[in-house]
PDB file of N, CA and C in Angstrom:
ATOM      1  N   MET A   1      38.673-171.190 -31.914  1.00  0.00           N
ATOM      2  CA  MET A   1      37.739-171.335 -33.745  1.00  0.00           C
ATOM      3  C   MET A   1      37.412-169.381 -33.321  1.00  0.00           C
ATOM      4  N   LEU A   2      37.427-168.715 -32.309  1.00  0.00           N
ATOM      5  CA  LEU A   2      37.497-167.017 -32.809  1.00  0.00           C
ATOM      6  C   LEU A   2      38.679-166.864 -33.799  1.00  0.00           C
ATOM      7  N   ARG A   3      39.954-167.665 -33.490  1.00  0.00           N
ATOM      8  CA  ARG A   3      41.024-166.957 -33.983  1.00  0.00           C
ATOM      9  C   ARG A   3      41.098-167.516 -36.027  1.00  0.00           C
ATOM     10  N   TRP A   4      40.460-168.878 -35.651  1.00  0.00           N
ATOM     11  CA  TRP A   4      40.153-168.444 -37.097  1.00  0.00           C
ATOM     12  C   TRP A   4      38.793-168.035 -38.355  1.00  0.00           C
ATOM     13  N   ALA A   5      37.859-167.519 -37.491  1.00  0.00           N
ATOM     14  CA  ALA A   5      37.231-166.635 -37.643  1.00  0.00           C
ATOM     15  C   ALA A   5      37.437-165.264 -38.317  1.00  0.00           C
ATOM     16  N   LEU A   6      38.685-164.586 -37.313  1.00  0.00           N
ATOM     17  CA  LEU A   6      39.356-163.856 -37.471  1.00  0.00           C
ATOM     18  C   LEU A   6      40.592-163.875 -38.656  1.00  0.00           C
ATOM     19  N   ILE A   7      41.203-165.053 -38.892  1.00  0.00           N
ATOM     20  CA  ILE A   7      42.075-165.905 -40.246  1.00  0.00           C
ATOM     21  C   ILE A   7      41.633-165.703 -41.130  1.00  0.00           C
ATOM     22  N   PHE A   8      39.850-166.190 -41.295  1.00  0.00           N
ATOM     23  CA  PHE A   8      39.222-166.089 -42.660  1.00  0.00           C
ATOM     24  C   PHE A   8      38.951-164.552 -42.826  1.00  0.00           C
ATOM     25  N   PHE A   9      38.541-164.140 -41.918  1.00  0.00           N
ATOM     26  CA  PHE A   9      37.577-162.592 -42.162  1.00  0.00           C
ATOM     27  C   PHE A   9      38.981-161.158 -43.391  1.00  0.00           C
ATOM     28  N   ILE A  10      40.507-161.950 -42.693  1.00  0.00           N
ATOM     29  CA  ILE A  10      41.663-161.279 -43.440  1.00  0.00           C
ATOM     30  C   ILE A  10      41.843-161.606 -44.144  1.00  0.00           C
ATOM     31  N   ILE A  11      41.129-162.869 -44.346  1.00  0.00           N
ATOM     32  CA  ILE A  11      41.782-162.921 -46.049  1.00  0.00           C
ATOM     33  C   ILE A  11      40.973-162.774 -47.093  1.00  0.00           C
ATOM     34  N   ALA A  12      39.938-162.692 -46.135  1.00  0.00           N
ATOM     35  CA  ALA A  12      38.436-162.315 -47.003  1.00  0.00           C
ATOM     36  C   ALA A  12      38.855-160.330 -47.325  1.00  0.00           C
ATOM     37  N   ILE A  13      39.393-159.537 -46.678  1.00  0.00           N
ATOM     38  CA  ILE A  13      39.686-158.306 -46.187  1.00  0.00           C
ATOM     39  C   ILE A  13      41.062-158.331 -47.419  1.00  0.00           C
ATOM     40  N   VAL A  14      41.925-158.771 -47.357  1.00  0.00           N
ATOM     41  CA  VAL A  14      42.715-158.888 -48.184  1.00  0.00           C
ATOM     42  C   VAL A  14      42.560-159.856 -49.823  1.00  0.00           C
ATOM     43  N   ALA A  15      41.485-160.280 -49.795  1.00  0.00           N
ATOM     44  CA  ALA A  15      41.113-160.900 -51.022  1.00  0.00           C
ATOM     45  C   ALA A  15      39.994-159.588 -52.006  1.00  0.00           C
ATOM     46  N   ALA A  16      39.279-159.147 -51.208  1.00  0.00           N
ATOM     47  CA  ALA A  16      38.800-157.890 -51.418  1.00  0.00           C
ATOM     48  C   ALA A  16      39.670-156.655 -52.132  1.00  0.00           C
ATOM     49  N   VAL A  17      40.532-156.320 -51.458  1.00  0.00           N
ATOM     50  CA  VAL A  17      41.331-155.268 -52.182  1.00  0.00           C
ATOM     51  C   VAL A  17      42.065-156.194 -53.176  1.00  0.00           C
ATOM     52  N   PHE A  18      42.729-157.056 -53.825  1.00  0.00           N
ATOM     53  CA  PHE A  18      42.607-156.964 -55.068  1.00  0.00           C
ATOM     54  C   PHE A  18      42.207-157.920 -55.942  1.00  0.00           C
ATOM     55  N   GLY A  19      40.477-157.704 -55.453  1.00  0.00           N
ATOM     56  CA  GLY A  19      39.593-158.186 -56.115  1.00  0.00           C
ATOM     57  C   GLY A  19      39.045-159.159 -56.466  1.00  0.00           C
ATOM     58  N   PHE A  20      39.301-160.301 -55.924  1.00  0.00           N
ATOM     59  CA  PHE A  20      39.087-161.438 -55.980  1.00  0.00           C
ATOM     60  C   PHE A  20      38.009-161.633 -55.517  1.00  0.00           C
ATOM     61  N   GLY A  21      36.675-161.546 -56.238  1.00  0.00           N
ATOM     62  CA  GLY A  21      35.508-161.720 -55.455  1.00  0.00           C
ATOM     63  C   GLY A  21      34.818-163.025 -54.526  1.00  0.00           C
ATOM     64  N   GLY A  22      35.144-163.814 -55.544  1.00  0.00           N
ATOM     65  CA  GLY A  22      34.708-165.275 -54.979  1.00  0.00           C
ATOM     66  C   GLY A  22      35.420-165.622 -54.079  1.00  0.00           C
ATOM     67  N   ILE A  23      36.442-165.748 -54.167  1.00  0.00           N
ATOM     68  CA  ILE A  23      37.490-166.200 -52.646  1.00  0.00           C
ATOM     69  C   ILE A  23      37.249-165.199 -52.006  1.00  0.00           C
ATOM     70  N   ALA A  24      36.736-163.956 -51.789  1.00  0.00           N
ATOM     71  CA  ALA A  24      36.552-163.164 -50.730  1.00  0.00           C
ATOM     72  C   ALA A  24      35.325-163.325 -49.893  1.00  0.00           C
ATOM     73  N   ALA A  25      34.211-163.632 -50.927  1.00  0.00           N
ATOM     74  CA  ALA A  25      32.969-163.958 -50.465  1.00  0.00           C
ATOM     75  C   ALA A  25      33.483-165.393 -49.168  1.00  0.00           C
ATOM     76  N   GLY A  26      34.013-166.267 -50.173  1.00  0.00           N
ATOM     77  CA  GLY A  26      33.742-167.125 -49.135  1.00  0.00           C
ATOM     78  C   GLY A  26      34.281-167.710 -48.178  1.00  0.00           C
ATOM     79  N   ALA A  27      35.508-166.451 -48.582  1.00  0.00           N
ATOM     80  CA  ALA A  27      36.517-166.294 -46.719  1.00  0.00           C
ATOM     81  C   ALA A  27      35.392-165.313 -45.585  1.00  0.00           C
ATOM     82  N   VAL A  28      34.273-164.637 -46.328  1.00  0.00           N
ATOM     83  CA  VAL A  28      33.997-164.232 -45.313  1.00  0.00           C
ATOM     84  C   VAL A  28      33.053-164.697 -44.663  1.00  0.00           C
ATOM     85  N   SER A  29      32.085-165.605 -45.725  1.00  0.00           N
ATOM     86  CA  SER A  29      31.164-166.684 -45.461  1.00  0.00           C
ATOM     87  C   SER A  29      31.395-167.558 -44.091  1.00  0.00           C
ATOM     88  N   ILE A  30      32.465-168.171 -44.207  1.00  0.00           N
ATOM     89  CA  ILE A  30      33.261-169.304 -43.541  1.00  0.00           C
ATOM     90  C   ILE A  30      34.112-168.360 -41.884  1.00  0.00           C
ATOM     91  N   ALA A  31      33.748-167.184 -42.513  1.00  0.00           N
ATOM     92  CA  ALA A  31      34.352-166.837 -41.071  1.00  0.00           C
ATOM     93  C   ALA A  31      33.409-166.437 -40.603  1.00  0.00           C
ATOM     94  N   ARG A  32      31.766-165.938 -40.893  1.00  0.00           N
ATOM     95  CA  ARG A  32      30.945-165.513 -40.283  1.00  0.00           C
ATOM     96  C   ARG A  32      30.188-167.358 -39.761  1.00  0.00           C
ATOM     97  N   ILE A  33      30.037-167.948 -39.847  1.00  0.00           N
ATOM     98  CA  ILE A  33      29.859-169.380 -39.668  1.00  0.00           C
ATOM     99  C   ILE A  33      30.553-169.561 -38.160  1.00  0.00           C
ATOM    100  N   LEU A  34      31.746-169.278 -38.817  1.00  0.00           N
ATOM    101  CA  LEU A  34      32.918-169.625 -36.973  1.00  0.00           C
ATOM    102  C   LEU A  34      32.429-168.976 -36.100  1.00  0.00           C
ATOM    103  N   PHE A  35      32.076-167.434 -36.258  1.00  0.00           N
ATOM    104  CA  PHE A  35      31.517-166.911 -35.940  1.00  0.00           C
ATOM    105  C   PHE A  35      30.693-166.873 -34.802  1.00  0.00           C
ATOM    106  N   PHE A  36      29.239-166.859 -35.620  1.00  0.00           N
ATOM    107  CA  PHE A  36      28.522-167.623 -34.815  1.00  0.00           C
ATOM    108  C   PHE A  36      28.664-168.678 -34.236  1.00  0.00           C
ATOM    109  N   ILE A  37      29.223-170.354 -34.514  1.00  0.00           N
ATOM    110  CA  ILE A  37      29.542-170.892 -33.976  1.00  0.00           C
ATOM    111  C   ILE A  37      30.209-171.095 -32.598  1.00  0.00           C
ATOM    112  N   PHE A  38      31.484-170.321 -32.707  1.00  0.00           N
ATOM    113  CA  PHE A  38      32.151-169.163 -31.176  1.00  0.00           C
ATOM    114  C   PHE A  38      31.053-168.907 -30.010  1.00  0.00           C
ATOM    115  N   ILE A  39      30.128-167.845 -30.634  1.00  0.00           N
ATOM    116  CA  ILE A  39      29.222-167.248 -30.029  1.00  0.00           C
ATOM    117  C   ILE A  39      27.939-168.668 -29.472  1.00  0.00           C
ATOM    118  N   VAL A  40      27.615-169.365 -30.209  1.00  0.00           N
ATOM    119  CA  VAL A  40      26.813-170.586 -29.139  1.00  0.00           C
ATOM    120  C   VAL A  40      27.778-171.320 -27.940  1.00  0.00           C
ATOM    121  N   LEU A  41      28.531-171.363 -28.848  1.00  0.00           N
ATOM    122  CA  LEU A  41      29.561-172.150 -27.594  1.00  0.00           C
ATOM    123  C   LEU A  41      29.964-171.172 -26.356  1.00  0.00           C
ATOM    124  N   PHE A  42      29.715-170.109 -26.720  1.00  0.00           N
ATOM    125  CA  PHE A  42      30.295-169.036 -25.773  1.00  0.00           C
ATOM    126  C   PHE A  42      29.285-169.040 -24.801  1.00  0.00           C
ATOM    127  N   LEU A  43      27.997-168.944 -25.344  1.00  0.00           N
ATOM    128  CA  LEU A  43      26.715-168.600 -24.230  1.00  0.00           C
ATOM    129  C   LEU A  43      26.548-170.321 -24.302  1.00  0.00           C
ATOM    130  N   ILE A  44      26.580-171.386 -24.759  1.00  0.00           N
ATOM    131  CA  ILE A  44      26.666-172.205 -23.795  1.00  0.00           C
ATOM    132  C   ILE A  44      27.507-173.138 -22.528  1.00  0.00           C
ATOM    133  N   SER A  45      28.780-172.756 -22.541  1.00  0.00           N
ATOM    134  CA  SER A  45      29.224-171.989 -21.773  1.00  0.00           C
ATOM    135  C   SER A  45      29.647-171.217 -20.149  1.00  0.00           C
ATOM    136  N   LEU A  46      28.956-170.558 -20.777  1.00  0.00           N
ATOM    137  CA  LEU A  46      28.863-169.221 -19.780  1.00  0.00           C
ATOM    138  C   LEU A  46      27.084-169.775 -19.044  1.00  0.00           C
ATOM    139  N   ILE A  47      26.822-170.376 -19.734  1.00  0.00           N
ATOM    140  CA  ILE A  47      25.163-170.867 -18.832  1.00  0.00           C
ATOM    141  C   ILE A  47      25.709-171.775 -17.928  1.00  0.00           C
ATOM    142  N   SER A  48      26.287-172.714 -18.569  1.00  0.00           N
ATOM    143  CA  SER A  48      26.945-174.050 -18.099  1.00  0.00           C
ATOM    144  C   SER A  48      27.296-173.513 -16.241  1.00  0.00           C
ATOM    145  N   GLY A  49      28.459-172.747 -16.770  1.00  0.00           N
ATOM    146  CA  GLY A  49      29.280-172.267 -15.679  1.00  0.00           C
ATOM    147  C   GLY A  49      28.282-171.740 -14.569  1.00  0.00           C
ATOM    148  N   LEU A  50      27.635-170.705 -14.685  1.00  0.00           N
ATOM    149  CA  LEU A  50      26.698-170.313 -14.159  1.00  0.00           C
ATOM    150  C   LEU A  50      25.447-171.006 -13.200  1.00  0.00           C
ATOM    151  N   LEU A  51      25.210-172.040 -14.581  1.00  0.00           N
ATOM    152  CA  LEU A  51      24.331-173.426 -13.307  1.00  0.00           C
ATOM    153  C   LEU A  51      24.838-173.937 -12.129  1.00  0.00           C
ATOM    154  N   ARG A  52      26.064-174.356 -12.264  1.00  0.00           N
ATOM    155  CA  ARG A  52      26.955-175.324 -11.543  1.00  0.00           C
ATOM    156  C   ARG A  52      27.220-174.337 -10.389  1.00  0.00           C
ATOM    157  N   LYS A  53      27.701-173.008  -9.975  1.00  0.00           N
ATOM    158  CA  LYS A  53      27.366-172.022  -9.012  1.00  0.00           C
ATOM    159  C   LYS A  53      26.237-172.219  -8.033  1.00  0.00           C
TER     160      LYS A  53
END
């Protein structure tokens, strides 16, 4: 999922360079959502791993 967030972030940067404001804003919002979902899933797996030991 982090890979998809990075892909959308790169799409946003490329779109911003070429001046497509709407596309860049959309890709940034998708990348941000995926990144936060990744962080939450990472923290849940980290906590569950610590509780198992």
